[in-house]
Structure formats: C-alpha cells, structure tokens
PDB file of N, CA and C in Angstrom:
ATOM      1  N   MET A   1     108.083  83.294  96.682  1.00  0.00           N
ATOM      2  CA  MET A   1     107.053  83.261  97.431  1.00  0.00           C
ATOM      3  C   MET A   1     106.359  83.353  95.400  1.00  0.00           C
ATOM      4  N   ALA A   2     106.795  82.663  94.592  1.00  0.00           N
ATOM      5  CA  ALA A   2     106.181  82.605  93.168  1.00  0.00           C
ATOM      6  C   ALA A   2     104.675  81.621  93.569  1.00  0.00           C
ATOM      7  N   GLY A   3     103.032  81.886  93.825  1.00  0.00           N
ATOM      8  CA  GLY A   3     102.355  81.872  93.369  1.00  0.00           C
ATOM      9  C   GLY A   3     101.504  81.574  94.765  1.00  0.00           C
ATOM     10  N   TYR A   4     102.390  81.275  95.803  1.00  0.00           N
ATOM     11  CA  TYR A   4     102.022  81.836  97.376  1.00  0.00           C
ATOM     12  C   TYR A   4     100.993  82.367  97.167  1.00  0.00           C
ATOM     13  N   VAL A   5      99.853  82.784  98.306  1.00  0.00           N
ATOM     14  CA  VAL A   5      98.831  83.151  97.801  1.00  0.00           C
ATOM     15  C   VAL A   5      98.477  83.217  99.206  1.00  0.00           C
ATOM     16  N   MET A   6      97.786  83.637 100.411  1.00  0.00           N
ATOM     17  CA  MET A   6      97.713  84.545 101.647  1.00  0.00           C
ATOM     18  C   MET A   6      96.153  83.844 101.879  1.00  0.00           C
ATOM     19  N   ASP A   7      96.309  82.697 102.982  1.00  0.00           N
ATOM     20  CA  ASP A   7      94.761  82.443 103.135  1.00  0.00           C
ATOM     21  C   ASP A   7      94.053  83.231 104.214  1.00  0.00           C
ATOM     22  N   ASN A   8      94.588  83.425 105.305  1.00  0.00           N
ATOM     23  CA  ASN A   8      94.269  83.893 106.639  1.00  0.00           C
ATOM     24  C   ASN A   8      95.090  85.869 106.002  1.00  0.00           C
ATOM     25  N   VAL A   9      94.572  86.074 105.611  1.00  0.00           N
ATOM     26  CA  VAL A   9      95.006  88.157 105.383  1.00  0.00           C
ATOM     27  C   VAL A   9      94.877  88.681 107.760  1.00  0.00           C
ATOM     28  N   SER A  10      96.213  89.019 108.078  1.00  0.00           N
ATOM     29  CA  SER A  10      96.241  89.621 108.699  1.00  0.00           C
ATOM     30  C   SER A  10      97.321  90.827 109.083  1.00  0.00           C
ATOM     31  N   ALA A  11      96.980  91.817 110.073  1.00  0.00           N
ATOM     32  CA  ALA A  11      98.548  92.252 110.111  1.00  0.00           C
ATOM     33  C   ALA A  11      99.868  91.675 110.843  1.00  0.00           C
ATOM     34  N   GLU A  12      99.160  90.208 111.587  1.00  0.00           N
ATOM     35  CA  GLU A  12     100.725  89.628 112.103  1.00  0.00           C
ATOM     36  C   GLU A  12     100.947  88.947 111.188  1.00  0.00           C
ATOM     37  N   GLU A  13     100.676  88.307 110.147  1.00  0.00           N
ATOM     38  CA  GLU A  13     101.359  87.799 109.202  1.00  0.00           C
ATOM     39  C   GLU A  13     101.743  88.401 108.481  1.00  0.00           C
ATOM     40  N   ILE A  14     101.020  89.691 107.612  1.00  0.00           N
ATOM     41  CA  ILE A  14     101.395  90.697 106.644  1.00  0.00           C
ATOM     42  C   ILE A  14     103.255  90.607 107.214  1.00  0.00           C
ATOM     43  N   ALA A  15     103.095  91.535 108.457  1.00  0.00           N
ATOM     44  CA  ALA A  15     104.018  91.529 109.198  1.00  0.00           C
ATOM     45  C   ALA A  15     105.776  90.885 109.004  1.00  0.00           C
ATOM     46  N   LYS A  16     104.382  89.406 109.362  1.00  0.00           N
ATOM     47  CA  LYS A  16     105.562  88.227 109.418  1.00  0.00           C
ATOM     48  C   LYS A  16     106.313  88.037 107.488  1.00  0.00           C
ATOM     49  N   LEU A  17     105.364  88.071 106.726  1.00  0.00           N
ATOM     50  CA  LEU A  17     105.609  88.192 105.425  1.00  0.00           C
ATOM     51  C   LEU A  17     106.127  89.007 104.690  1.00  0.00           C
ATOM     52  N   ILE A  18     107.011  90.075 105.347  1.00  0.00           N
ATOM     53  CA  ILE A  18     107.239  92.011 104.705  1.00  0.00           C
ATOM     54  C   ILE A  18     108.590  90.818 105.027  1.00  0.00           C
ATOM     55  N   GLY A  19     109.269  90.364 106.149  1.00  0.00           N
ATOM     56  CA  GLY A  19     110.617  90.234 107.553  1.00  0.00           C
ATOM     57  C   GLY A  19     111.072  89.271 106.671  1.00  0.00           C
ATOM     58  N   ASP A  20     110.366  88.269 106.750  1.00  0.00           N
ATOM     59  CA  ASP A  20     110.983  86.279 106.050  1.00  0.00           C
ATOM     60  C   ASP A  20     111.142  87.516 104.767  1.00  0.00           C
ATOM     61  N   VAL A  21     110.363  87.553 103.614  1.00  0.00           N
ATOM     62  CA  VAL A  21     110.342  87.694 102.282  1.00  0.00           C
ATOM     63  C   VAL A  21     111.666  88.899 102.165  1.00  0.00           C
ATOM     64  N   LEU A  22     111.615  90.079 102.412  1.00  0.00           N
ATOM     65  CA  LEU A  22     112.110  91.548 101.869  1.00  0.00           C
ATOM     66  C   LEU A  22     113.448  91.309 102.900  1.00  0.00           C
ATOM     67  N   GLY A  23     113.213  90.883 104.139  1.00  0.00           N
ATOM     68  CA  GLY A  23     114.403  90.736 105.116  1.00  0.00           C
ATOM     69  C   GLY A  23     114.641  92.105 105.979  1.00  0.00           C
ATOM     70  N   ILE A  24     113.778  92.534 106.540  1.00  0.00           N
ATOM     71  CA  ILE A  24     113.686  94.330 106.826  1.00  0.00           C
ATOM     72  C   ILE A  24     112.199  94.205 107.739  1.00  0.00           C
ATOM     73  N   PRO A  25     113.126  94.805 109.031  1.00  0.00           N
ATOM     74  CA  PRO A  25     111.655  95.171 110.102  1.00  0.00           C
ATOM     75  C   PRO A  25     110.174  95.556 109.262  1.00  0.00           C
ATOM     76  N   ALA A  26     109.905  95.084 110.097  1.00  0.00           N
ATOM     77  CA  ALA A  26     107.884  94.974 109.528  1.00  0.00           C
ATOM     78  C   ALA A  26     107.272  94.715 111.445  1.00  0.00           C
ATOM     79  N   ALA A  27     106.574  95.615 111.502  1.00  0.00           N
ATOM     80  CA  ALA A  27     106.356  95.653 112.715  1.00  0.00           C
ATOM     81  C   ALA A  27     104.143  96.016 112.000  1.00  0.00           C
ATOM     82  N   GLU A  28     103.109  95.088 113.089  1.00  0.00           N
ATOM     83  CA  GLU A  28     101.885  96.108 113.373  1.00  0.00           C
ATOM     84  C   GLU A  28     101.922  97.279 113.504  1.00  0.00           C
ATOM     85  N   GLU A  29     100.757  97.827 112.963  1.00  0.00           N
ATOM     86  CA  GLU A  29     100.451  99.892 114.017  1.00  0.00           C
ATOM     87  C   GLU A  29     102.263  99.996 113.419  1.00  0.00           C
ATOM     88  N   PHE A  30     102.424 101.416 114.777  1.00  0.00           N
ATOM     89  CA  PHE A  30     103.523 102.294 113.923  1.00  0.00           C
ATOM     90  C   PHE A  30     105.067 101.517 114.479  1.00  0.00           C
ATOM     91  N   TYR A  31     105.736 101.343 113.687  1.00  0.00           N
ATOM     92  CA  TYR A  31     107.267 101.129 113.825  1.00  0.00           C
ATOM     93  C   TYR A  31     107.868 102.615 114.519  1.00  0.00           C
ATOM     94  N   THR A  32     109.122 102.016 116.141  1.00  0.00           N
ATOM     95  CA  THR A  32     109.461 102.361 116.552  1.00  0.00           C
ATOM     96  C   THR A  32     110.820 102.344 115.590  1.00  0.00           C
ATOM     97  N   LYS A  33     110.999 102.375 115.084  1.00  0.00           N
ATOM     98  CA  LYS A  33     112.412 102.121 114.265  1.00  0.00           C
ATOM     99  C   LYS A  33     112.298 102.937 112.992  1.00  0.00           C
ATOM    100  N   THR A  34     113.773 104.041 113.709  1.00  0.00           N
ATOM    101  CA  THR A  34     113.962 105.724 112.318  1.00  0.00           C
ATOM    102  C   THR A  34     114.613 105.060 111.963  1.00  0.00           C
ATOM    103  N   GLU A  35     115.493 104.027 111.269  1.00  0.00           N
ATOM    104  CA  GLU A  35     116.768 103.465 110.058  1.00  0.00           C
ATOM    105  C   GLU A  35     115.573 103.062 109.018  1.00  0.00           C
ATOM    106  N   ALA A  36     115.382 103.631 107.925  1.00  0.00           N
ATOM    107  CA  ALA A  36     114.632 102.862 106.530  1.00  0.00           C
ATOM    108  C   ALA A  36     116.229 102.189 106.959  1.00  0.00           C
ATOM    109  N   PRO A  37     115.581 100.824 106.082  1.00  0.00           N
ATOM    110  CA  PRO A  37     113.922 100.987 105.304  1.00  0.00           C
ATOM    111  C   PRO A  37     113.294 100.401 106.808  1.00  0.00           C
ATOM    112  N   TYR A  38     112.214 100.038 106.522  1.00  0.00           N
ATOM    113  CA  TYR A  38     111.101  99.824 107.882  1.00  0.00           C
ATOM    114  C   TYR A  38     110.132  99.175 107.186  1.00  0.00           C
ATOM    115  N   ALA A  39     108.957  98.476 107.344  1.00  0.00           N
ATOM    116  CA  ALA A  39     107.696  98.403 107.307  1.00  0.00           C
ATOM    117  C   ALA A  39     106.730  98.443 107.784  1.00  0.00           C
ATOM    118  N   ALA A  40     105.492  99.229 108.068  1.00  0.00           N
ATOM    119  CA  ALA A  40     104.170  99.376 109.163  1.00  0.00           C
ATOM    120  C   ALA A  40     102.672  99.443 108.716  1.00  0.00           C
ATOM    121  N   VAL A  41     102.236  97.544 109.222  1.00  0.00           N
ATOM    122  CA  VAL A  41     100.971  97.417 108.636  1.00  0.00           C
ATOM    123  C   VAL A  41     100.281  97.528 109.211  1.00  0.00           C
ATOM    124  N   LEU A  42      99.262  98.956 108.441  1.00  0.00           N
ATOM    125  CA  LEU A  42      98.202  99.659 109.730  1.00  0.00           C
ATOM    126  C   LEU A  42      96.737  99.064 109.261  1.00  0.00           C
ATOM    127  N   THR A  43      96.244  99.310 110.758  1.00  0.00           N
ATOM    128  CA  THR A  43      94.952  98.612 110.231  1.00  0.00           C
ATOM    129  C   THR A  43      93.098  98.970 111.223  1.00  0.00           C
ATOM    130  N   PRO A  44      92.502 100.321 110.590  1.00  0.00           N
ATOM    131  CA  PRO A  44      91.755 100.681 111.445  1.00  0.00           C
ATOM    132  C   PRO A  44      90.490  99.819 111.758  1.00  0.00           C
ATOM    133  N   ALA A  45      90.067  99.911 112.716  1.00  0.00           N
ATOM    134  CA  ALA A  45      89.029  98.800 112.896  1.00  0.00           C
ATOM    135  C   ALA A  45      87.922  97.927 111.604  1.00  0.00           C
ATOM    136  N   ALA A  46      87.767  97.028 112.286  1.00  0.00           N
ATOM    137  CA  ALA A  46      86.029  96.038 111.200  1.00  0.00           C
ATOM    138  C   ALA A  46      85.652  97.163 111.039  1.00  0.00           C
ATOM    139  N   ARG A  47      85.351  97.502 109.885  1.00  0.00           N
ATOM    140  CA  ARG A  47      83.995  97.465 109.775  1.00  0.00           C
ATOM    141  C   ARG A  47      82.860  97.092 108.853  1.00  0.00           C
ATOM    142  N   VAL A  48      82.022  97.077 109.690  1.00  0.00           N
ATOM    143  CA  VAL A  48      80.280  95.989 108.562  1.00  0.00           C
ATOM    144  C   VAL A  48      79.475  97.389 108.531  1.00  0.00           C
ATOM    145  N   SER A  49      78.600  96.720 107.293  1.00  0.00           N
ATOM    146  CA  SER A  49      78.413  97.373 105.656  1.00  0.00           C
ATOM    147  C   SER A  49      77.433  96.430 106.100  1.00  0.00           C
ATOM    148  N   ALA A  50      75.603  96.523 105.553  1.00  0.00           N
ATOM    149  CA  ALA A  50      75.057  96.851 105.221  1.00  0.00           C
ATOM    150  C   ALA A  50      73.831  97.190 103.773  1.00  0.00           C
ATOM    151  N   PRO A  51      74.387  97.516 102.487  1.00  0.00           N
ATOM    152  CA  PRO A  51      74.154  98.098 102.152  1.00  0.00           C
ATOM    153  C   PRO A  51      72.616  97.672 100.954  1.00  0.00           C
ATOM    154  N   ASP A  52      72.027  96.995 101.100  1.00  0.00           N
ATOM    155  CA  ASP A  52      71.031  96.191 100.796  1.00  0.00           C
ATOM    156  C   ASP A  52      69.595  96.294 101.884  1.00  0.00           C
ATOM    157  N   MET A  53      69.856  97.256 102.288  1.00  0.00           N
ATOM    158  CA  MET A  53      68.518  97.432 103.646  1.00  0.00           C
ATOM    159  C   MET A  53      68.116  96.240 104.862  1.00  0.00           C
ATOM    160  N   GLY A  54      69.945  95.819 105.125  1.00  0.00           N
ATOM    161  CA  GLY A  54      70.247  94.860 105.741  1.00  0.00           C
ATOM    162  C   GLY A  54      70.190  93.213 105.869  1.00  0.00           C
ATOM    163  N   ARG A  55      69.314  92.911 104.205  1.00  0.00           N
ATOM    164  CA  ARG A  55      69.387  92.189 103.556  1.00  0.00           C
ATOM    165  C   ARG A  55      70.608  91.189 103.839  1.00  0.00           C
ATOM    166  N   TYR A  56      71.631  91.681 104.003  1.00  0.00           N
ATOM    167  CA  TYR A  56      72.948  91.412 102.881  1.00  0.00           C
ATOM    168  C   TYR A  56      73.985  92.375 104.447  1.00  0.00           C
ATOM    169  N   TYR A  57      75.010  91.764 104.892  1.00  0.00           N
ATOM    170  CA  TYR A  57      75.566  92.225 105.728  1.00  0.00           C
ATOM    171  C   TYR A  57      77.073  91.712 104.957  1.00  0.00           C
ATOM    172  N   ALA A  58      78.352  92.259 105.440  1.00  0.00           N
ATOM    173  CA  ALA A  58      79.461  91.817 104.748  1.00  0.00           C
ATOM    174  C   ALA A  58      79.942  92.940 106.098  1.00  0.00           C
ATOM    175  N   ARG A  59      81.280  92.111 106.109  1.00  0.00           N
ATOM    176  CA  ARG A  59      82.771  92.382 107.113  1.00  0.00           C
ATOM    177  C   ARG A  59      83.606  92.973 106.102  1.00  0.00           C
ATOM    178  N   THR A  60      84.007  94.213 106.331  1.00  0.00           N
ATOM    179  CA  THR A  60      86.015  94.656 105.286  1.00  0.00           C
ATOM    180  C   THR A  60      86.480  94.992 106.741  1.00  0.00           C
ATOM    181  N   GLN A  61      87.570  94.778 105.772  1.00  0.00           N
ATOM    182  CA  GLN A  61      88.961  94.927 106.893  1.00  0.00           C
ATOM    183  C   GLN A  61      89.893  96.005 105.637  1.00  0.00           C
ATOM    184  N   ARG A  62      90.279  96.810 106.264  1.00  0.00           N
ATOM    185  CA  ARG A  62      91.075  97.923 105.410  1.00  0.00           C
ATOM    186  C   ARG A  62      92.552  98.064 106.512  1.00  0.00           C
ATOM    187  N   TYR A  63      93.185  97.693 105.119  1.00  0.00           N
ATOM    188  CA  TYR A  63      94.301  97.513 105.074  1.00  0.00           C
ATOM    189  C   TYR A  63      95.494  98.580 104.871  1.00  0.00           C
ATOM    190  N   ARG A  64      96.434  99.505 105.332  1.00  0.00           N
ATOM    191  CA  ARG A  64      97.523  99.784 104.737  1.00  0.00           C
ATOM    192  C   ARG A  64      99.090 100.122 105.325  1.00  0.00           C
ATOM    193  N   ILE A  65      99.730  99.630 104.544  1.00  0.00           N
ATOM    194  CA  ILE A  65     101.001  99.411 104.243  1.00  0.00           C
ATOM    195  C   ILE A  65     101.406 100.114 104.256  1.00  0.00           C
ATOM    196  N   GLU A  66     102.645 100.234 104.116  1.00  0.00           N
ATOM    197  CA  GLU A  66     103.701 101.673 105.016  1.00  0.00           C
ATOM    198  C   GLU A  66     105.495 101.037 104.903  1.00  0.00           C
ATOM    199  N   LEU A  67     105.701 101.569 103.366  1.00  0.00           N
ATOM    200  CA  LEU A  67     107.738 100.945 103.325  1.00  0.00           C
ATOM    201  C   LEU A  67     108.475 101.738 103.592  1.00  0.00           C
ATOM    202  N   TYR A  68     108.921 101.898 103.971  1.00  0.00           N
ATOM    203  CA  TYR A  68     109.691 103.728 104.593  1.00  0.00           C
ATOM    204  C   TYR A  68     111.291 103.256 104.344  1.00  0.00           C
ATOM    205  N   THR A  69     111.473 104.042 102.784  1.00  0.00           N
ATOM    206  CA  THR A  69     113.355 104.182 102.220  1.00  0.00           C
ATOM    207  C   THR A  69     113.897 105.408 102.127  1.00  0.00           C
ATOM    208  N   LYS A  70     114.991 105.026 101.955  1.00  0.00           N
ATOM    209  CA  LYS A  70     116.055 106.774 102.079  1.00  0.00           C
ATOM    210  C   LYS A  70     115.784 106.418 100.406  1.00  0.00           C
ATOM    211  N   THR A  71     115.845 106.481  99.102  1.00  0.00           N
ATOM    212  CA  THR A  71     115.882 107.099  98.308  1.00  0.00           C
ATOM    213  C   THR A  71     114.425 105.860  97.263  1.00  0.00           C
ATOM    214  N   LYS A  72     113.698 107.611  96.517  1.00  0.00           N
ATOM    215  CA  LYS A  72     112.963 106.773  95.531  1.00  0.00           C
ATOM    216  C   LYS A  72     113.254 105.410  94.364  1.00  0.00           C
ATOM    217  N   ALA A  73     114.475 105.437  94.507  1.00  0.00           N
ATOM    218  CA  ALA A  73     115.220 104.807  93.512  1.00  0.00           C
ATOM    219  C   ALA A  73     115.029 103.343  93.974  1.00  0.00           C
ATOM    220  N   ASP A  74     115.307 102.893  96.101  1.00  0.00           N
ATOM    221  CA  ASP A  74     115.436 101.646  96.145  1.00  0.00           C
ATOM    222  C   ASP A  74     114.933 100.923  95.445  1.00  0.00           C
ATOM    223  N   THR A  75     115.453  99.697  95.387  1.00  0.00           N
ATOM    224  CA  THR A  75     114.947  98.081  94.418  1.00  0.00           C
ATOM    225  C   THR A  75     114.424  97.868  95.493  1.00  0.00           C
ATOM    226  N   LEU A  76     114.131  98.311  96.391  1.00  0.00           N
ATOM    227  CA  LEU A  76     113.222  97.391  97.442  1.00  0.00           C
ATOM    228  C   LEU A  76     111.416  97.785  97.316  1.00  0.00           C
ATOM    229  N   ARG A  77     111.528  99.278  96.798  1.00  0.00           N
ATOM    230  CA  ARG A  77     109.988  99.672  96.304  1.00  0.00           C
ATOM    231  C   ARG A  77     108.811  98.444  95.937  1.00  0.00           C
ATOM    232  N   GLU A  78     109.593  98.313  94.660  1.00  0.00           N
ATOM    233  CA  GLU A  78     109.691  97.217  94.057  1.00  0.00           C
ATOM    234  C   GLU A  78     109.167  95.427  94.176  1.00  0.00           C
ATOM    235  N   ARG A  79     110.296  95.561  94.999  1.00  0.00           N
ATOM    236  CA  ARG A  79     109.741  94.486  95.462  1.00  0.00           C
ATOM    237  C   ARG A  79     109.043  94.450  96.343  1.00  0.00           C
ATOM    238  N   PHE A  80     108.066  95.085  97.458  1.00  0.00           N
ATOM    239  CA  PHE A  80     107.848  95.404  98.201  1.00  0.00           C
ATOM    240  C   PHE A  80     106.108  95.562  97.561  1.00  0.00           C
ATOM    241  N   LYS A  81     106.379  95.968  96.249  1.00  0.00           N
ATOM    242  CA  LYS A  81     104.942  96.386  95.417  1.00  0.00           C
ATOM    243  C   LYS A  81     104.735  94.464  95.165  1.00  0.00           C
ATOM    244  N   ASP A  82     105.373  94.000  94.266  1.00  0.00           N
ATOM    245  CA  ASP A  82     105.571  93.435  93.996  1.00  0.00           C
ATOM    246  C   ASP A  82     105.233  91.886  94.565  1.00  0.00           C
ATOM    247  N   LEU A  83     106.037  92.252  95.715  1.00  0.00           N
ATOM    248  CA  LEU A  83     105.369  90.408  96.978  1.00  0.00           C
ATOM    249  C   LEU A  83     103.460  91.052  97.418  1.00  0.00           C
ATOM    250  N   ILE A  84     102.817  92.172  97.484  1.00  0.00           N
ATOM    251  CA  ILE A  84     101.762  92.730  98.282  1.00  0.00           C
ATOM    252  C   ILE A  84     101.031  92.261  96.498  1.00  0.00           C
ATOM    253  N   TYR A  85     100.755  92.539  96.256  1.00  0.00           N
ATOM    254  CA  TYR A  85     100.309  92.212  94.930  1.00  0.00           C
ATOM    255  C   TYR A  85      99.771  90.840  94.742  1.00  0.00           C
ATOM    256  N   SER A  86     101.134  90.484  94.475  1.00  0.00           N
ATOM    257  CA  SER A  86     101.088  88.239  94.100  1.00  0.00           C
ATOM    258  C   SER A  86     100.560  87.765  95.450  1.00  0.00           C
ATOM    259  N   THR A  87     100.380  88.166  96.478  1.00  0.00           N
ATOM    260  CA  THR A  87     100.154  87.502  97.776  1.00  0.00           C
ATOM    261  C   THR A  87      99.004  87.382  98.418  1.00  0.00           C
ATOM    262  N   ILE A  88      98.263  88.546  98.005  1.00  0.00           N
ATOM    263  CA  ILE A  88      97.158  89.293  98.874  1.00  0.00           C
ATOM    264  C   ILE A  88      96.172  88.902  98.223  1.00  0.00           C
ATOM    265  N   PRO A  89      95.042  89.034  98.394  1.00  0.00           N
ATOM    266  CA  PRO A  89      94.231  88.272  98.219  1.00  0.00           C
ATOM    267  C   PRO A  89      92.409  89.627  97.528  1.00  0.00           C
ATOM    268  N   ALA A  90      93.179  90.721  97.765  1.00  0.00           N
ATOM    269  CA  ALA A  90      92.144  92.095  97.394  1.00  0.00           C
ATOM    270  C   ALA A  90      92.202  91.794  96.358  1.00  0.00           C
ATOM    271  N   GLY A  91      90.578  92.578  95.572  1.00  0.00           N
ATOM    272  CA  GLY A  91      90.418  92.532  94.203  1.00  0.00           C
ATOM    273  C   GLY A  91      90.643  94.635  93.981  1.00  0.00           C
ATOM    274  N   GLU A  92      90.625  95.062  95.096  1.00  0.00           N
ATOM    275  CA  GLU A  92      91.707  96.630  94.405  1.00  0.00           C
ATOM    276  C   GLU A  92      92.987  96.906  95.514  1.00  0.00           C
ATOM    277  N   PHE A  93      94.213  97.553  94.854  1.00  0.00           N
ATOM    278  CA  PHE A  93      94.861  97.767  95.777  1.00  0.00           C
ATOM    279  C   PHE A  93      94.996  99.518  95.386  1.00  0.00           C
ATOM    280  N   ASP A  94      94.668 100.563  96.672  1.00  0.00           N
ATOM    281  CA  ASP A  94      94.987 101.774  95.880  1.00  0.00           C
ATOM    282  C   ASP A  94      96.583 102.321  96.465  1.00  0.00           C
ATOM    283  N   GLU A  95      97.523 102.849  95.871  1.00  0.00           N
ATOM    284  CA  GLU A  95      98.677 103.138  95.951  1.00  0.00           C
ATOM    285  C   GLU A  95      98.977 104.167  95.926  1.00  0.00           C
ATOM    286  N   GLU A  96     100.023 104.815  96.986  1.00  0.00           N
ATOM    287  CA  GLU A  96     100.665 106.359  96.853  1.00  0.00           C
ATOM    288  C   GLU A  96     102.073 106.410  97.824  1.00  0.00           C
ATOM    289  N   GLU A  97     102.285 107.107  97.189  1.00  0.00           N
ATOM    290  CA  GLU A  97     103.889 106.816  97.075  1.00  0.00           C
ATOM    291  C   GLU A  97     104.184 109.918  97.724  1.00  0.00           C
ATOM    292  N   VAL A  98     105.192 109.434  98.583  1.00  0.00           N
ATOM    293  CA  VAL A  98     105.254 110.728  99.229  1.00  0.00           C
ATOM    294  C   VAL A  98     106.743 110.397  99.397  1.00  0.00           C
ATOM    295  N   SER A  99     107.464 111.731  99.206  1.00  0.00           N
ATOM    296  CA  SER A  99     108.931 111.970 100.134  1.00  0.00           C
ATOM    297  C   SER A  99     108.635 112.532 100.621  1.00  0.00           C
ATOM    298  N   TYR A 100     109.799 112.303 102.668  1.00  0.00           N
ATOM    299  CA  TYR A 100     109.543 113.890 103.279  1.00  0.00           C
ATOM    300  C   TYR A 100     110.882 113.942 103.505  1.00  0.00           C
ATOM    301  N   SER A 101     111.281 115.336 102.431  1.00  0.00           N
ATOM    302  CA  SER A 101     112.301 116.244 102.657  1.00  0.00           C
ATOM    303  C   SER A 101     112.924 115.910 104.555  1.00  0.00           C
ATOM    304  N   SER A 102     112.368 116.337 105.163  1.00  0.00           N
ATOM    305  CA  SER A 102     112.072 116.971 106.555  1.00  0.00           C
ATOM    306  C   SER A 102     113.124 115.637 106.542  1.00  0.00           C
ATOM    307  N   ASP A 103     112.778 114.503 106.968  1.00  0.00           N
ATOM    308  CA  ASP A 103     112.743 113.192 107.761  1.00  0.00           C
ATOM    309  C   ASP A 103     114.035 112.447 106.625  1.00  0.00           C
ATOM    310  N   ARG A 104     114.287 112.554 105.498  1.00  0.00           N
ATOM    311  CA  ARG A 104     114.561 112.274 104.271  1.00  0.00           C
ATOM    312  C   ARG A 104     113.986 110.717 104.063  1.00  0.00           C
ATOM    313  N   LEU A 105     112.980 110.312 104.174  1.00  0.00           N
ATOM    314  CA  LEU A 105     112.242 108.742 103.833  1.00  0.00           C
ATOM    315  C   LEU A 105     112.289 109.383 102.819  1.00  0.00           C
ATOM    316  N   TYR A 106     111.108 107.567 101.974  1.00  0.00           N
ATOM    317  CA  TYR A 106     110.536 108.253 101.086  1.00  0.00           C
ATOM    318  C   TYR A 106     109.456 107.338 101.310  1.00  0.00           C
ATOM    319  N   LEU A 107     108.059 107.148 101.343  1.00  0.00           N
ATOM    320  CA  LEU A 107     107.304 106.468 101.907  1.00  0.00           C
ATOM    321  C   LEU A 107     106.547 105.980 101.039  1.00  0.00           C
ATOM    322  N   THR A 108     106.281 104.422 100.584  1.00  0.00           N
ATOM    323  CA  THR A 108     105.064 103.772  99.537  1.00  0.00           C
ATOM    324  C   THR A 108     104.303 102.662  99.648  1.00  0.00           C
ATOM    325  N   ALA A 109     103.470 103.690 100.156  1.00  0.00           N
ATOM    326  CA  ALA A 109     102.296 102.656 100.406  1.00  0.00           C
ATOM    327  C   ALA A 109     101.161 101.966 100.526  1.00  0.00           C
ATOM    328  N   ILE A 110     100.042 101.257 100.690  1.00  0.00           N
ATOM    329  CA  ILE A 110      99.219 100.333  99.687  1.00  0.00           C
ATOM    330  C   ILE A 110      98.367  99.534 100.854  1.00  0.00           C
ATOM    331  N   GLU A 111      97.312 100.601 100.298  1.00  0.00           N
ATOM    332  CA  GLU A 111      95.464 100.016 100.508  1.00  0.00           C
ATOM    333  C   GLU A 111      94.793  99.391 100.064  1.00  0.00           C
ATOM    334  N   PHE A 112      94.668  98.314 100.583  1.00  0.00           N
ATOM    335  CA  PHE A 112      93.678  97.477 100.450  1.00  0.00           C
ATOM    336  C   PHE A 112      92.461  96.785 101.250  1.00  0.00           C
ATOM    337  N   GLU A 113      91.264  96.266 100.840  1.00  0.00           N
ATOM    338  CA  GLU A 113      89.873  96.085 101.977  1.00  0.00           C
ATOM    339  C   GLU A 113      89.630  94.004 101.565  1.00  0.00           C
ATOM    340  N   ILE A 114      89.415  93.663 102.545  1.00  0.00           N
ATOM    341  CA  ILE A 114      89.604  92.366 102.498  1.00  0.00           C
ATOM    342  C   ILE A 114      88.250  91.835 103.215  1.00  0.00           C
ATOM    343  N   MET A 115      87.348  91.425 102.626  1.00  0.00           N
ATOM    344  CA  MET A 115      86.115  90.407 102.999  1.00  0.00           C
ATOM    345  C   MET A 115      85.893  89.621 103.883  1.00  0.00           C
ATOM    346  N   GLU A 116      86.079  89.658 104.746  1.00  0.00           N
ATOM    347  CA  GLU A 116      85.992  88.812 106.176  1.00  0.00           C
ATOM    348  C   GLU A 116      84.800  87.467 106.502  1.00  0.00           C
TER     349      GLU A 116
END
C-alpha cells in the first residue's frame, strides 16, 4: 500500500481498507464481534459551517476509527496507525489510547476531519 492515498474517503472504504490490508474484521459504526482484534469506523452526521458570515461554506465530515486489540504490545497497533496516516488525506489527526481492564481490551483511536 506504499504511496496509496484514498481519493474518496468514506466509512465503508476505510473499513474495507482495514480488512484488506490488516486482515482483521472492520465495520462501519459499531462492530458486533467481541473477540479482538477488530476495528470500527464511526462517523457522526456531516456538519456544515459558515465561518465567514455566510460567504464561504465548508462541509466537513469527522471520522473516528477505533482498533481494539488484546494487548498494548500488539504490533497491529503500529501497522494500523501507519496505514491510516499514510492513506487518509487529512491535515490533522487526533490519537487516543485507552486500556479497558474489565473487558481486557486495548483501544487505539484516531480521529480526523475531511473537507468535502
């Protein structure tokens, strides 16, 4: 996938990319699978903003991609981050990492916005 950049970013295409490249289950919205590793691509409704008194309208879509693994040391986490950062044409990314001891899962989440 070196050098590949997504032209049309969508939750469906991101889920397909994760499944094809990383070989793990991925779904739009919440995934029903409980056995890690798996990924979910979350998208709230597209937002329309008018920052310059109505003269310029920008439509942005915010995405959150969550990867659940069994351990923090899972090498899949780094491959996941490399894949997203190298293929999604977003200017800025926010990253979050959380350990859920009750579920014994480790979450790596990446959020970004795409201007449509």
